[in-house]
Amino acid sequence: MAWSAAQYLKFEDERTRPARDLLAQVPADLPAGTVYDLGCGPGNSTELLVDRFPGRGVKGVDNAADMLKAARERLPGVDFVECDLAKWQAPEPAALLYANAVFQWLPEHVALLNKLMDSLRPGGVLAVQMPDNLSEPSHLLMEESAFAGPWRTAFADGTPRRKPLPAPAAYMDALGPKAARVDVWHTAYNHPMADAAAIVEWVKSTGLRPYIERIPAEQRDGFLADYESRIAKAYAPMADGRRLLRFPRLFIVAVKG
């Protein structure tokens, strides 16, 4: 299963909210230079950067063809580049390296963030947001469902569960020596979802995707039904029948010294 822009954008407003919150903490007085949206996805976060920093020559970077296709259709005047972020380097020192919900997927991302500080101009900003929700029922139940049916053989060598994010101090230690200021904080969002099926639809484009792609096509419906039944039990309905999806996220803003 490739990354799907259409699936991701089913909850565009909710997914863009942390991107807005991250951008709100980026200082307005950036130095001269290019603004990059790293892991730009379908361009919803890139659009925020274009509006905030007009005339900056905003550029988007992603490695998913379907996401980049959607981004180019959304923002035809923006330069989007297909590249693996684990290997990407700015061609010249940048004003802003902005990354909304991407670095949690990359191994050793703390070292990558440290390296990205070298791609900033003095006074430039590294701004990063990552989901920090592996201990939430939405993700714990993926693990339970993975071993609950005939598809369990697909996980004989382990599941694709990503590593938990390190403690905030790890980011402070890694970025502090190269920064004039580093801010790290958590925000927990509470998203009202129509029902348990809506929660499944939310995670199908992100955290659940690597589980689904391991399972043989003829067994995927069974896996999803098992997972949805567990979600329905874990997220009790509110008075109006909707389910509240709690979603903690980690934010980092580092200003280069």
Protein backbone atom coordinates (compact mmCIF):
# COMPACT_ATOMS: atom_id res chain seq x y z
CA MET A 1 0.00 0.00 0.00
CA ALA A 2 1.48 3.31 -1.10
CA TRP A 3 0.88 6.53 0.77
CA SER A 4 -2.56 7.85 -0.26
CA ALA A 5 -3.19 11.58 -0.40
CA ALA A 6 -6.96 11.04 -0.65
CA GLN A 7 -7.02 8.85 2.48
CA TYR A 8 -4.82 11.31 4.39
CA LEU A 9 -7.00 14.30 3.49
CA LYS A 10 -10.22 12.71 4.75
CA PHE A 11 -9.39 14.48 8.01
CA GLU A 12 -7.59 17.51 6.57
CA ASP A 13 -8.73 20.04 9.15
CA GLU A 14 -7.72 17.88 12.10
CA ARG A 15 -4.37 16.98 10.52
CA THR A 16 -3.61 20.60 9.63
CA ARG A 17 -4.35 21.93 13.12
CA PRO A 18 -0.98 20.90 14.63
CA ALA A 19 0.74 22.27 11.52
CA ARG A 20 -0.86 25.64 12.25
CA ASP A 21 0.10 25.43 15.91
CA LEU A 22 3.71 24.64 15.01
CA LEU A 23 3.88 27.49 12.53
CA ALA A 24 2.47 29.92 15.09
CA GLN A 25 5.62 29.42 17.17
CA VAL A 26 8.03 30.14 14.29
CA PRO A 27 9.46 33.65 14.70
CA ALA A 28 8.36 36.13 12.05
CA ASP A 29 11.82 37.66 11.69
CA LEU A 30 13.45 34.86 9.75
CA PRO A 31 16.74 35.57 8.00
CA ALA A 32 16.89 35.67 4.22
CA GLY A 33 16.73 32.27 2.57
CA THR A 34 14.43 29.50 1.40
CA VAL A 35 11.61 27.98 3.43
CA TYR A 36 11.36 24.17 3.15
CA ASP A 37 8.42 21.94 4.02
CA LEU A 38 10.05 18.57 4.76
CA GLY A 39 7.66 15.66 4.38
CA CYS A 40 5.18 18.01 2.74
CA GLY A 41 2.59 15.32 2.02
CA PRO A 42 -0.33 16.57 -0.09
CA GLY A 43 0.63 20.22 0.43
CA ASN A 44 -1.77 21.24 3.20
CA SER A 45 1.12 22.32 5.43
CA THR A 46 3.01 23.83 2.48
CA GLU A 47 0.03 26.07 1.81
CA LEU A 48 0.33 27.47 5.34
CA LEU A 49 3.99 28.33 4.68
CA VAL A 50 3.21 30.01 1.36
CA ASP A 51 0.59 32.18 3.08
CA ARG A 52 2.85 33.02 6.05
CA PHE A 53 6.01 33.72 4.04
CA PRO A 54 5.03 35.10 0.63
CA GLY A 55 7.87 35.63 -1.80
CA ARG A 56 10.18 33.24 0.04
CA GLY A 57 10.30 30.60 -2.66
CA VAL A 58 8.78 27.89 -0.48
CA LYS A 59 9.81 24.36 -1.49
CA GLY A 60 8.29 21.01 -0.57
CA VAL A 61 10.13 17.72 -0.13
CA ASP A 62 8.58 14.24 0.10
CA ASN A 63 9.28 10.70 -1.08
CA ALA A 64 5.68 9.62 -1.85
CA ALA A 65 4.63 10.05 -5.48
CA ASP A 66 0.88 10.23 -4.75
CA MET A 67 1.40 12.86 -2.06
CA LEU A 68 3.57 14.95 -4.37
CA LYS A 69 1.02 14.67 -7.19
CA ALA A 70 -1.67 16.06 -4.89
CA ALA A 71 0.66 18.80 -3.62
CA ARG A 72 1.55 19.94 -7.15
CA GLU A 73 -2.11 20.06 -8.12
CA ARG A 74 -2.90 22.07 -5.00
CA LEU A 75 0.03 24.52 -5.34
CA PRO A 76 1.15 24.60 -8.99
CA GLY A 77 3.48 27.54 -8.34
CA VAL A 78 5.53 25.73 -5.69
CA ASP A 79 8.60 23.61 -6.39
CA PHE A 80 8.14 20.09 -4.98
CA VAL A 81 11.05 17.65 -4.90
CA GLU A 82 10.90 13.86 -4.55
CA CYS A 83 13.61 12.79 -2.12
CA ASP A 84 14.32 10.55 0.87
CA LEU A 85 14.59 12.86 3.88
CA ALA A 86 17.14 10.56 5.48
CA LYS A 87 19.51 11.60 2.67
CA TRP A 88 18.27 15.12 1.90
CA GLN A 89 20.43 18.21 2.35
CA ALA A 90 19.57 21.81 1.61
CA PRO A 91 21.52 23.02 -1.43
CA GLU A 92 22.30 26.23 0.47
CA PRO A 93 21.64 27.45 4.02
CA ALA A 94 17.90 27.82 4.62
CA ALA A 95 15.76 30.22 6.62
CA LEU A 96 13.27 27.60 7.83
CA LEU A 97 13.20 23.81 7.86
CA TYR A 98 9.64 22.90 8.77
CA ALA A 99 8.51 19.30 9.27
CA ASN A 100 4.97 18.32 10.23
CA ALA A 101 4.49 14.65 11.23
CA VAL A 102 7.31 12.99 9.30
CA PHE A 103 10.46 12.43 11.35
CA GLN A 104 8.82 9.85 13.63
CA TRP A 105 9.05 7.48 10.65
CA LEU A 106 12.82 7.86 10.26
CA PRO A 107 15.26 5.82 12.35
CA GLU A 108 17.84 7.81 14.30
CA HIS A 109 15.87 10.98 13.63
CA VAL A 110 17.47 12.83 16.54
CA ALA A 111 20.82 12.64 14.72
CA LEU A 112 19.11 13.76 11.50
CA LEU A 113 17.63 16.81 13.24
CA ASN A 114 21.05 17.66 14.64
CA LYS A 115 22.49 17.47 11.12
CA LEU A 116 19.70 19.66 9.72
CA MET A 117 20.77 22.46 12.06
CA ASP A 118 23.89 22.73 9.88
CA SER A 119 21.63 23.53 6.89
CA LEU A 120 20.25 26.68 8.53
CA ARG A 121 21.46 30.25 8.30
CA PRO A 122 22.25 31.98 11.62
CA GLY A 123 18.86 32.86 13.08
CA GLY A 124 17.21 30.20 10.93
CA VAL A 125 14.64 27.88 12.46
CA LEU A 126 14.09 24.14 12.64
CA ALA A 127 10.42 23.50 13.44
CA VAL A 128 9.23 19.92 13.91
CA GLN A 129 6.04 18.21 15.02
CA MET A 130 5.69 14.45 15.55
CA PRO A 131 2.88 12.24 16.84
CA ASP A 132 3.70 10.85 20.27
CA ASN A 133 0.77 8.47 20.56
CA LEU A 134 2.18 4.94 20.68
CA SER A 135 0.77 4.42 24.17
CA GLU A 136 -2.75 5.38 23.07
CA PRO A 137 -5.39 2.64 22.51
CA SER A 138 -5.43 3.43 18.78
CA HIS A 139 -1.86 2.11 18.49
CA LEU A 140 -1.76 -0.48 21.25
CA LEU A 141 -4.74 -2.21 19.63
CA MET A 142 -2.93 -2.44 16.29
CA GLU A 143 -0.49 -4.75 18.05
CA GLU A 144 -3.30 -6.83 19.55
CA SER A 145 -5.09 -7.22 16.23
CA ALA A 146 -1.87 -8.13 14.44
CA PHE A 147 -1.71 -11.39 16.40
CA ALA A 148 -5.44 -12.07 16.69
CA GLY A 149 -6.27 -13.90 13.47
CA PRO A 150 -4.98 -16.00 10.58
CA TRP A 151 -2.96 -13.00 9.39
CA ARG A 152 -0.68 -13.37 12.44
CA THR A 153 1.85 -15.23 10.30
CA ALA A 154 2.55 -11.93 8.53
CA PHE A 155 4.03 -10.70 11.82
CA ALA A 156 6.09 -13.76 12.70
CA ASP A 157 9.24 -11.65 12.56
CA GLY A 158 7.69 -8.77 14.53
CA THR A 159 5.33 -5.92 13.81
CA PRO A 160 6.12 -2.62 12.07
CA ARG A 161 5.53 -0.70 15.30
CA ARG A 162 7.86 2.28 15.22
CA LYS A 163 10.12 3.17 18.12
CA PRO A 164 8.71 5.51 20.80
CA LEU A 165 9.96 9.07 20.68
CA PRO A 166 12.79 9.83 23.09
CA ALA A 167 12.29 12.13 26.05
CA PRO A 168 12.30 15.92 25.44
CA ALA A 169 15.73 16.15 27.03
CA ALA A 170 17.19 14.13 24.13
CA TYR A 171 16.18 16.85 21.69
CA MET A 172 17.44 19.58 23.98
CA ASP A 173 20.81 17.82 24.27
CA ALA A 174 21.09 17.22 20.51
CA LEU A 175 20.03 20.66 19.29
CA GLY A 176 21.08 22.92 22.16
CA PRO A 177 24.79 23.21 21.27
CA LYS A 178 23.89 24.57 17.81
CA ALA A 179 20.95 26.73 18.87
CA ALA A 180 20.33 30.10 20.45
CA ARG A 181 17.04 28.73 21.78
CA VAL A 182 15.25 25.39 21.82
CA ASP A 183 11.62 24.93 22.85
CA VAL A 184 10.10 21.45 23.27
CA TRP A 185 6.52 20.82 24.33
CA HIS A 186 3.59 18.41 24.07
CA THR A 187 0.02 19.11 23.07
CA ALA A 188 -2.74 16.51 23.34
CA TYR A 189 -5.54 17.02 20.82
CA ASN A 190 -9.00 15.55 21.38
CA HIS A 191 -10.74 14.93 18.06
CA PRO A 192 -14.47 14.09 18.06
CA MET A 193 -14.94 11.26 15.56
CA ALA A 194 -18.25 10.10 14.15
CA ASP A 195 -17.80 6.48 15.27
CA ALA A 196 -15.24 3.69 15.66
CA ALA A 197 -15.07 3.26 11.89
CA ALA A 198 -13.98 6.89 11.55
CA ILE A 199 -11.06 6.29 13.92
CA VAL A 200 -10.02 3.34 11.77
CA GLU A 201 -10.23 5.53 8.67
CA TRP A 202 -8.01 8.11 10.40
CA VAL A 203 -5.20 5.69 11.19
CA LYS A 204 -5.44 3.77 7.89
CA SER A 205 -3.43 6.52 6.18
CA THR A 206 -0.70 6.66 8.84
CA GLY A 207 -0.01 4.33 11.77
CA LEU A 208 -2.15 1.40 10.57
CA ARG A 209 -0.84 1.52 7.00
CA PRO A 210 2.35 -0.53 7.56
CA TYR A 211 0.31 -3.23 9.31
CA ILE A 212 -2.21 -3.47 6.48
CA GLU A 213 0.43 -3.65 3.78
CA ARG A 214 1.99 -6.76 5.39
CA ILE A 215 -1.27 -8.70 5.42
CA PRO A 216 -2.38 -10.69 2.34
CA ALA A 217 -5.12 -8.83 0.47
CA GLU A 218 -7.74 -11.54 1.14
CA GLN A 219 -7.23 -11.20 4.92
CA ARG A 220 -7.23 -7.41 5.23
CA ASP A 221 -10.98 -7.03 5.71
CA GLY A 222 -10.86 -9.50 8.59
CA PHE A 223 -7.97 -7.67 10.20
CA LEU A 224 -9.73 -4.31 9.89
CA ALA A 225 -12.96 -5.74 11.33
CA ASP A 226 -11.06 -7.14 14.31
CA TYR A 227 -9.28 -3.83 14.87
CA GLU A 228 -12.51 -1.81 14.59
CA SER A 229 -14.24 -4.01 17.16
CA ARG A 230 -11.41 -3.35 19.60
CA ILE A 231 -11.52 0.39 18.88
CA ALA A 232 -15.28 0.43 19.53
CA LYS A 233 -14.69 -1.04 23.00
CA ALA A 234 -11.74 1.21 23.84
CA TYR A 235 -13.34 4.51 22.80
CA ALA A 236 -16.67 4.80 24.55
CA PRO A 237 -19.34 6.93 22.88
CA MET A 238 -19.98 10.41 24.23
CA ALA A 239 -23.48 11.72 24.93
CA ASP A 240 -23.97 12.54 21.24
CA GLY A 241 -22.69 9.15 20.07
CA ARG A 242 -19.34 10.33 18.79
CA ARG A 243 -16.00 8.91 19.98
CA LEU A 244 -13.18 11.13 21.27
CA LEU A 245 -9.78 10.34 19.78
CA ARG A 246 -6.97 11.59 22.01
CA PHE A 247 -3.84 12.41 20.02
CA PRO A 248 -0.66 13.62 21.81
CA ARG A 249 1.99 15.35 19.70
CA LEU A 250 5.54 16.55 20.36
CA PHE A 251 6.69 19.97 19.11
CA ILE A 252 10.24 21.30 18.70
CA VAL A 253 11.34 24.78 17.63
CA ALA A 254 15.09 25.45 17.52
CA VAL A 255 16.61 28.79 16.48
CA LYS A 256 20.16 28.46 15.18
CA GLY A 257 22.77 30.48 17.04
